[in-house]
Amino acid sequence: MKINYTTQGTCSKLIEVEVENGIVQEVHFIGGCNGNLQGISALVKGMPVEAVISRLEGIRCGGRPTSCPDQLCKALHMLEK
């Protein structure tokens, strides 16, 4: 399943996520810190959705209440529904 998730409160504006059988296949961030987000995308590729959520959910960026990794978790939660 592939979704496009519009982020809130981060520099990235959109996250494209593809998950198959509970495993993250691809993640692309539109906007944001390109190098860091490419790194996050590479690290979570091949991981179970639950593992990504358990590691990244709740991470904050500076004084913001969320971050790009946290927004990725929100997108992944949408796939669980």
PDB file of N, CA and C in Angstrom:
ATOM      1  N   MET A   1       0.840  -1.169   0.000  1.00  0.00           N
ATOM      2  CA  MET A   1       0.000   0.000   0.000  1.00  0.00           C
ATOM      3  C   MET A   1       0.885   1.232   0.000  1.00  0.00           C
ATOM      4  N   LYS A   2       0.514   2.202  -0.781  1.00  0.00           N
ATOM      5  CA  LYS A   2       1.280   3.439  -0.883  1.00  0.00           C
ATOM      6  C   LYS A   2       0.386   4.608  -0.476  1.00  0.00           C
ATOM      7  N   ILE A   3       0.921   5.495   0.354  1.00  0.00           N
ATOM      8  CA  ILE A   3       0.167   6.686   0.736  1.00  0.00           C
ATOM      9  C   ILE A   3       1.051   7.924   0.617  1.00  0.00           C
ATOM     10  N   ASN A   4       0.396   9.055   0.481  1.00  0.00           N
ATOM     11  CA  ASN A   4       1.042  10.363   0.553  1.00  0.00           C
ATOM     12  C   ASN A   4       0.491  11.038   1.793  1.00  0.00           C
ATOM     13  N   TYR A   5       1.367  11.449   2.685  1.00  0.00           N
ATOM     14  CA  TYR A   5       0.968  12.059   3.949  1.00  0.00           C
ATOM     15  C   TYR A   5       1.461  13.499   3.989  1.00  0.00           C
ATOM     16  N   THR A   6       0.536  14.433   4.154  1.00  0.00           N
ATOM     17  CA  THR A   6       0.891  15.843   4.283  1.00  0.00           C
ATOM     18  C   THR A   6       1.289  16.105   5.730  1.00  0.00           C
ATOM     19  N   THR A   7       2.524  16.537   5.921  1.00  0.00           N
ATOM     20  CA  THR A   7       3.043  16.742   7.269  1.00  0.00           C
ATOM     21  C   THR A   7       2.506  18.028   7.886  1.00  0.00           C
ATOM     22  N   GLN A   8       2.627  18.103   9.202  1.00  0.00           N
ATOM     23  CA  GLN A   8       2.217  19.287   9.954  1.00  0.00           C
ATOM     24  C   GLN A   8       3.317  19.645  10.947  1.00  0.00           C
ATOM     25  N   GLY A   9       3.753  20.893  10.910  1.00  0.00           N
ATOM     26  CA  GLY A   9       4.718  21.379  11.891  1.00  0.00           C
ATOM     27  C   GLY A   9       6.169  21.047  11.603  1.00  0.00           C
ATOM     28  N   THR A  10       6.480  20.655  10.363  1.00  0.00           N
ATOM     29  CA  THR A  10       7.865  20.327  10.019  1.00  0.00           C
ATOM     30  C   THR A  10       8.274  21.040   8.736  1.00  0.00           C
ATOM     31  N   CYS A  11       9.563  21.031   8.467  1.00  0.00           N
ATOM     32  CA  CYS A  11      10.075  21.636   7.227  1.00  0.00           C
ATOM     33  C   CYS A  11       9.681  20.819   6.005  1.00  0.00           C
ATOM     34  N   SER A  12       9.632  19.495   6.157  1.00  0.00           N
ATOM     35  CA  SER A  12       9.161  18.674   5.038  1.00  0.00           C
ATOM     36  C   SER A  12       7.654  18.910   4.879  1.00  0.00           C
ATOM     37  N   LYS A  13       7.190  18.819   3.671  1.00  0.00           N
ATOM     38  CA  LYS A  13       5.783  19.106   3.382  1.00  0.00           C
ATOM     39  C   LYS A  13       4.964  17.858   3.100  1.00  0.00           C
ATOM     40  N   LEU A  14       5.627  16.797   2.636  1.00  0.00           N
ATOM     41  CA  LEU A  14       4.920  15.589   2.232  1.00  0.00           C
ATOM     42  C   LEU A  14       5.830  14.384   2.428  1.00  0.00           C
ATOM     43  N   ILE A  15       5.223  13.261   2.833  1.00  0.00           N
ATOM     44  CA  ILE A  15       5.956  12.007   2.934  1.00  0.00           C
ATOM     45  C   ILE A  15       5.230  10.984   2.072  1.00  0.00           C
ATOM     46  N   GLU A  16       5.975  10.354   1.177  1.00  0.00           N
ATOM     47  CA  GLU A  16       5.442   9.262   0.364  1.00  0.00           C
ATOM     48  C   GLU A  16       5.961   7.969   0.981  1.00  0.00           C
ATOM     49  N   VAL A  17       5.047   7.082   1.375  1.00  0.00           N
ATOM     50  CA  VAL A  17       5.416   5.847   2.059  1.00  0.00           C
ATOM     51  C   VAL A  17       4.795   4.655   1.335  1.00  0.00           C
ATOM     52  N   GLU A  18       5.601   3.623   1.147  1.00  0.00           N
ATOM     53  CA  GLU A  18       5.081   2.376   0.586  1.00  0.00           C
ATOM     54  C   GLU A  18       5.395   1.245   1.565  1.00  0.00           C
ATOM     55  N   VAL A  19       4.344   0.504   1.931  1.00  0.00           N
ATOM     56  CA  VAL A  19       4.471  -0.607   2.866  1.00  0.00           C
ATOM     57  C   VAL A  19       3.842  -1.848   2.236  1.00  0.00           C
ATOM     58  N   GLU A  20       4.528  -2.973   2.366  1.00  0.00           N
ATOM     59  CA  GLU A  20       4.020  -4.237   1.853  1.00  0.00           C
ATOM     60  C   GLU A  20       4.158  -5.293   2.939  1.00  0.00           C
ATOM     61  N   ASN A  21       3.061  -5.941   3.283  1.00  0.00           N
ATOM     62  CA  ASN A  21       3.065  -6.993   4.314  1.00  0.00           C
ATOM     63  C   ASN A  21       3.706  -6.519   5.619  1.00  0.00           C
ATOM     64  N   GLY A  22       3.417  -5.271   6.006  1.00  0.00           N
ATOM     65  CA  GLY A  22       3.924  -4.740   7.270  1.00  0.00           C
ATOM     66  C   GLY A  22       5.376  -4.322   7.257  1.00  0.00           C
ATOM     67  N   ILE A  23       6.010  -4.310   6.073  1.00  0.00           N
ATOM     68  CA  ILE A  23       7.425  -3.932   5.949  1.00  0.00           C
ATOM     69  C   ILE A  23       7.537  -2.668   5.103  1.00  0.00           C
ATOM     70  N   VAL A  24       8.308  -1.706   5.586  1.00  0.00           N
ATOM     71  CA  VAL A  24       8.515  -0.459   4.849  1.00  0.00           C
ATOM     72  C   VAL A  24       9.350  -0.761   3.608  1.00  0.00           C
ATOM     73  N   GLN A  25       8.812  -0.425   2.438  1.00  0.00           N
ATOM     74  CA  GLN A  25       9.504  -0.657   1.176  1.00  0.00           C
ATOM     75  C   GLN A  25      10.233   0.598   0.691  1.00  0.00           C
ATOM     76  N   GLU A  26       9.577   1.735   0.788  1.00  0.00           N
ATOM     77  CA  GLU A  26      10.148   3.007   0.318  1.00  0.00           C
ATOM     78  C   GLU A  26       9.598   4.155   1.161  1.00  0.00           C
ATOM     79  N   VAL A  27      10.435   5.169   1.369  1.00  0.00           N
ATOM     80  CA  VAL A  27      10.016   6.420   2.014  1.00  0.00           C
ATOM     81  C   VAL A  27      10.703   7.558   1.286  1.00  0.00           C
ATOM     82  N   HIS A  28       9.923   8.553   0.899  1.00  0.00           N
ATOM     83  CA  HIS A  28      10.467   9.756   0.276  1.00  0.00           C
ATOM     84  C   HIS A  28       9.865  10.973   0.978  1.00  0.00           C
ATOM     85  N   PHE A  29      10.730  11.861   1.436  1.00  0.00           N
ATOM     86  CA  PHE A  29      10.295  13.119   2.040  1.00  0.00           C
ATOM     87  C   PHE A  29      10.409  14.212   0.983  1.00  0.00           C
ATOM     88  N   ILE A  30       9.412  15.068   0.910  1.00  0.00           N
ATOM     89  CA  ILE A  30       9.437  16.228   0.020  1.00  0.00           C
ATOM     90  C   ILE A  30       9.672  17.455   0.898  1.00  0.00           C
ATOM     91  N   GLY A  31      10.782  18.143   0.655  1.00  0.00           N
ATOM     92  CA  GLY A  31      11.156  19.280   1.490  1.00  0.00           C
ATOM     93  C   GLY A  31      11.961  18.797   2.691  1.00  0.00           C
ATOM     94  N   GLY A  32      12.365  19.718   3.528  1.00  0.00           N
ATOM     95  CA  GLY A  32      13.109  19.366   4.730  1.00  0.00           C
ATOM     96  C   GLY A  32      14.604  19.255   4.492  1.00  0.00           C
ATOM     97  N   CYS A  33      15.295  18.697   5.459  1.00  0.00           N
ATOM     98  CA  CYS A  33      16.761  18.545   5.418  1.00  0.00           C
ATOM     99  C   CYS A  33      17.113  17.318   4.590  1.00  0.00           C
ATOM    100  N   ASN A  34      17.457  17.527   3.352  1.00  0.00           N
ATOM    101  CA  ASN A  34      17.606  16.451   2.372  1.00  0.00           C
ATOM    102  C   ASN A  34      18.522  15.317   2.832  1.00  0.00           C
ATOM    103  N   GLY A  35      19.698  15.626   3.298  1.00  0.00           N
ATOM    104  CA  GLY A  35      20.634  14.573   3.697  1.00  0.00           C
ATOM    105  C   GLY A  35      20.116  13.749   4.863  1.00  0.00           C
ATOM    106  N   ASN A  36      19.628  14.409   5.898  1.00  0.00           N
ATOM    107  CA  ASN A  36      19.109  13.693   7.059  1.00  0.00           C
ATOM    108  C   ASN A  36      17.912  12.826   6.688  1.00  0.00           C
ATOM    109  N   LEU A  37      17.043  13.349   5.855  1.00  0.00           N
ATOM    110  CA  LEU A  37      15.838  12.606   5.501  1.00  0.00           C
ATOM    111  C   LEU A  37      16.141  11.449   4.563  1.00  0.00           C
ATOM    112  N   GLN A  38      17.157  11.592   3.721  1.00  0.00           N
ATOM    113  CA  GLN A  38      17.595  10.448   2.917  1.00  0.00           C
ATOM    114  C   GLN A  38      18.145   9.353   3.838  1.00  0.00           C
ATOM    115  N   GLY A  39      18.851   9.778   4.869  1.00  0.00           N
ATOM    116  CA  GLY A  39      19.388   8.819   5.835  1.00  0.00           C
ATOM    117  C   GLY A  39      18.293   8.074   6.569  1.00  0.00           C
ATOM    118  N   ILE A  40      17.293   8.781   7.050  1.00  0.00           N
ATOM    119  CA  ILE A  40      16.160   8.147   7.736  1.00  0.00           C
ATOM    120  C   ILE A  40      15.476   7.172   6.785  1.00  0.00           C
ATOM    121  N   SER A  41      15.246   7.600   5.547  1.00  0.00           N
ATOM    122  CA  SER A  41      14.586   6.745   4.559  1.00  0.00           C
ATOM    123  C   SER A  41      15.365   5.453   4.336  1.00  0.00           C
ATOM    124  N   ALA A  42      16.682   5.571   4.221  1.00  0.00           N
ATOM    125  CA  ALA A  42      17.519   4.383   4.004  1.00  0.00           C
ATOM    126  C   ALA A  42      17.508   3.465   5.223  1.00  0.00           C
ATOM    127  N   LEU A  43      17.520   4.040   6.415  1.00  0.00           N
ATOM    128  CA  LEU A  43      17.557   3.225   7.631  1.00  0.00           C
ATOM    129  C   LEU A  43      16.262   2.461   7.879  1.00  0.00           C
ATOM    130  N   VAL A  44      15.119   3.047   7.551  1.00  0.00           N
ATOM    131  CA  VAL A  44      13.843   2.376   7.839  1.00  0.00           C
ATOM    132  C   VAL A  44      13.429   1.410   6.733  1.00  0.00           C
ATOM    133  N   LYS A  45      14.042   1.507   5.572  1.00  0.00           N
ATOM    134  CA  LYS A  45      13.699   0.604   4.469  1.00  0.00           C
ATOM    135  C   LYS A  45      13.981  -0.837   4.890  1.00  0.00           C
ATOM    136  N   GLY A  46      12.978  -1.687   4.728  1.00  0.00           N
ATOM    137  CA  GLY A  46      13.108  -3.089   5.110  1.00  0.00           C
ATOM    138  C   GLY A  46      12.719  -3.383   6.547  1.00  0.00           C
ATOM    139  N   MET A  47      12.402  -2.364   7.323  1.00  0.00           N
ATOM    140  CA  MET A  47      12.019  -2.556   8.719  1.00  0.00           C
ATOM    141  C   MET A  47      10.512  -2.786   8.844  1.00  0.00           C
ATOM    142  N   PRO A  48      10.100  -3.560   9.846  1.00  0.00           N
ATOM    143  CA  PRO A  48       8.674  -3.677  10.130  1.00  0.00           C
ATOM    144  C   PRO A  48       8.120  -2.327  10.593  1.00  0.00           C
ATOM    145  N   VAL A  49       6.896  -2.053  10.210  1.00  0.00           N
ATOM    146  CA  VAL A  49       6.248  -0.783  10.573  1.00  0.00           C
ATOM    147  C   VAL A  49       6.297  -0.569  12.084  1.00  0.00           C
ATOM    148  N   GLU A  50       6.002  -1.612  12.858  1.00  0.00           N
ATOM    149  CA  GLU A  50       5.975  -1.487  14.322  1.00  0.00           C
ATOM    150  C   GLU A  50       7.333  -1.084  14.883  1.00  0.00           C
ATOM    151  N   ALA A  51       8.401  -1.576  14.284  1.00  0.00           N
ATOM    152  CA  ALA A  51       9.752  -1.236  14.748  1.00  0.00           C
ATOM    153  C   ALA A  51      10.073   0.223  14.463  1.00  0.00           C
ATOM    154  N   VAL A  52       9.672   0.702  13.296  1.00  0.00           N
ATOM    155  CA  VAL A  52       9.902   2.114  12.954  1.00  0.00           C
ATOM    156  C   VAL A  52       9.165   2.992  13.943  1.00  0.00           C
ATOM    157  N   ILE A  53       7.896   2.675  14.192  1.00  0.00           N
ATOM    158  CA  ILE A  53       7.092   3.481  15.113  1.00  0.00           C
ATOM    159  C   ILE A  53       7.693   3.458  16.518  1.00  0.00           C
ATOM    160  N   SER A  54       8.104   2.297  16.985  1.00  0.00           N
ATOM    161  CA  SER A  54       8.632   2.212  18.355  1.00  0.00           C
ATOM    162  C   SER A  54       9.927   2.993  18.520  1.00  0.00           C
ATOM    163  N   ARG A  55      10.708   3.129  17.457  1.00  0.00           N
ATOM    164  CA  ARG A  55      11.984   3.845  17.548  1.00  0.00           C
ATOM    165  C   ARG A  55      11.865   5.353  17.313  1.00  0.00           C
ATOM    166  N   LEU A  56      10.932   5.761  16.448  1.00  0.00           N
ATOM    167  CA  LEU A  56      10.928   7.155  16.009  1.00  0.00           C
ATOM    168  C   LEU A  56       9.777   8.005  16.539  1.00  0.00           C
ATOM    169  N   GLU A  57       8.719   7.375  17.008  1.00  0.00           N
ATOM    170  CA  GLU A  57       7.552   8.145  17.452  1.00  0.00           C
ATOM    171  C   GLU A  57       7.905   9.011  18.659  1.00  0.00           C
ATOM    172  N   GLY A  58       7.466  10.260  18.612  1.00  0.00           N
ATOM    173  CA  GLY A  58       7.666  11.179  19.729  1.00  0.00           C
ATOM    174  C   GLY A  58       8.935  12.006  19.650  1.00  0.00           C
ATOM    175  N   ILE A  59       9.781  11.766  18.655  1.00  0.00           N
ATOM    176  CA  ILE A  59      10.987  12.583  18.496  1.00  0.00           C
ATOM    177  C   ILE A  59      10.566  14.007  18.157  1.00  0.00           C
ATOM    178  N   ARG A  60      11.220  14.956  18.796  1.00  0.00           N
ATOM    179  CA  ARG A  60      10.912  16.372  18.567  1.00  0.00           C
ATOM    180  C   ARG A  60      12.079  17.048  17.868  1.00  0.00           C
ATOM    181  N   CYS A  61      11.778  18.118  17.140  1.00  0.00           N
ATOM    182  CA  CYS A  61      12.799  18.885  16.438  1.00  0.00           C
ATOM    183  C   CYS A  61      12.872  20.270  17.078  1.00  0.00           C
ATOM    184  N   GLY A  62      13.972  20.537  17.766  1.00  0.00           N
ATOM    185  CA  GLY A  62      14.097  21.830  18.439  1.00  0.00           C
ATOM    186  C   GLY A  62      12.961  22.004  19.436  1.00  0.00           C
ATOM    187  N   GLY A  63      12.320  23.154  19.384  1.00  0.00           N
ATOM    188  CA  GLY A  63      11.201  23.432  20.281  1.00  0.00           C
ATOM    189  C   GLY A  63       9.856  22.985  19.735  1.00  0.00           C
ATOM    190  N   ARG A  64       9.865  22.370  18.579  1.00  0.00           N
ATOM    191  CA  ARG A  64       8.607  21.928  17.961  1.00  0.00           C
ATOM    192  C   ARG A  64       8.082  20.670  18.662  1.00  0.00           C
ATOM    193  N   PRO A  65       6.772  20.487  18.659  1.00  0.00           N
ATOM    194  CA  PRO A  65       6.205  19.294  19.301  1.00  0.00           C
ATOM    195  C   PRO A  65       6.291  18.030  18.437  1.00  0.00           C
ATOM    196  N   THR A  66       6.892  18.125  17.262  1.00  0.00           N
ATOM    197  CA  THR A  66       6.991  16.990  16.345  1.00  0.00           C
ATOM    198  C   THR A  66       8.289  17.097  15.551  1.00  0.00           C
ATOM    199  N   SER A  67       8.502  16.183  14.639  1.00  0.00           N
ATOM    200  CA  SER A  67       9.690  16.161  13.783  1.00  0.00           C
ATOM    201  C   SER A  67       9.346  15.372  12.527  1.00  0.00           C
ATOM    202  N   CYS A  68      10.242  15.343  11.577  1.00  0.00           N
ATOM    203  CA  CYS A  68      10.010  14.534  10.373  1.00  0.00           C
ATOM    204  C   CYS A  68       9.905  13.046  10.709  1.00  0.00           C
ATOM    205  N   PRO A  69      10.769  12.497  11.587  1.00  0.00           N
ATOM    206  CA  PRO A  69      10.589  11.087  11.956  1.00  0.00           C
ATOM    207  C   PRO A  69       9.253  10.831  12.652  1.00  0.00           C
ATOM    208  N   ASP A  70       8.823  11.746  13.512  1.00  0.00           N
ATOM    209  CA  ASP A  70       7.533  11.612  14.193  1.00  0.00           C
ATOM    210  C   ASP A  70       6.387  11.676  13.181  1.00  0.00           C
ATOM    211  N   GLN A  71       6.502  12.542  12.188  1.00  0.00           N
ATOM    212  CA  GLN A  71       5.468  12.639  11.161  1.00  0.00           C
ATOM    213  C   GLN A  71       5.423  11.361  10.318  1.00  0.00           C
ATOM    214  N   LEU A  72       6.573  10.739  10.082  1.00  0.00           N
ATOM    215  CA  LEU A  72       6.599   9.454   9.390  1.00  0.00           C
ATOM    216  C   LEU A  72       5.777   8.435  10.180  1.00  0.00           C
ATOM    217  N   CYS A  73       5.917   8.437  11.488  1.00  0.00           N
ATOM    218  CA  CYS A  73       5.144   7.515  12.331  1.00  0.00           C
ATOM    219  C   CYS A  73       3.653   7.781  12.203  1.00  0.00           C
ATOM    220  N   LYS A  74       3.260   9.044  12.139  1.00  0.00           N
ATOM    221  CA  LYS A  74       1.839   9.382  11.958  1.00  0.00           C
ATOM    222  C   LYS A  74       1.339   8.818  10.629  1.00  0.00           C
ATOM    223  N   ALA A  75       2.156   8.912   9.589  1.00  0.00           N
ATOM    224  CA  ALA A  75       1.785   8.338   8.295  1.00  0.00           C
ATOM    225  C   ALA A  75       1.646   6.828   8.398  1.00  0.00           C
ATOM    226  N   LEU A  76       2.576   6.184   9.097  1.00  0.00           N
ATOM    227  CA  LEU A  76       2.517   4.730   9.240  1.00  0.00           C
ATOM    228  C   LEU A  76       1.312   4.294  10.047  1.00  0.00           C
ATOM    229  N   HIS A  77       0.918   5.083  11.035  1.00  0.00           N
ATOM    230  CA  HIS A  77      -0.304   4.774  11.805  1.00  0.00           C
ATOM    231  C   HIS A  77      -1.529   4.777  10.885  1.00  0.00           C
ATOM    232  N   MET A  78      -1.538   5.636   9.894  1.00  0.00           N
ATOM    233  CA  MET A  78      -2.664   5.682   8.947  1.00  0.00           C
ATOM    234  C   MET A  78      -2.795   4.355   8.210  1.00  0.00           C
ATOM    235  N   LEU A  79      -1.692   3.688   7.952  1.00  0.00           N
ATOM    236  CA  LEU A  79      -1.715   2.407   7.250  1.00  0.00           C
ATOM    237  C   LEU A  79      -2.290   1.294   8.119  1.00  0.00           C
ATOM    238  N   GLU A  80      -2.234   1.474   9.423  1.00  0.00           N
ATOM    239  CA  GLU A  80      -2.739   0.448  10.350  1.00  0.00           C
ATOM    240  C   GLU A  80      -4.258   0.434  10.402  1.00  0.00           C
ATOM    241  N   LYS A  81      -4.871   1.530   9.982  1.00  0.00           N
ATOM    242  CA  LYS A  81      -6.332   1.642  10.092  1.00  0.00           C
ATOM    243  C   LYS A  81      -7.039   0.873   9.015  1.00  0.00           C
TER     244      LYS A  81
END
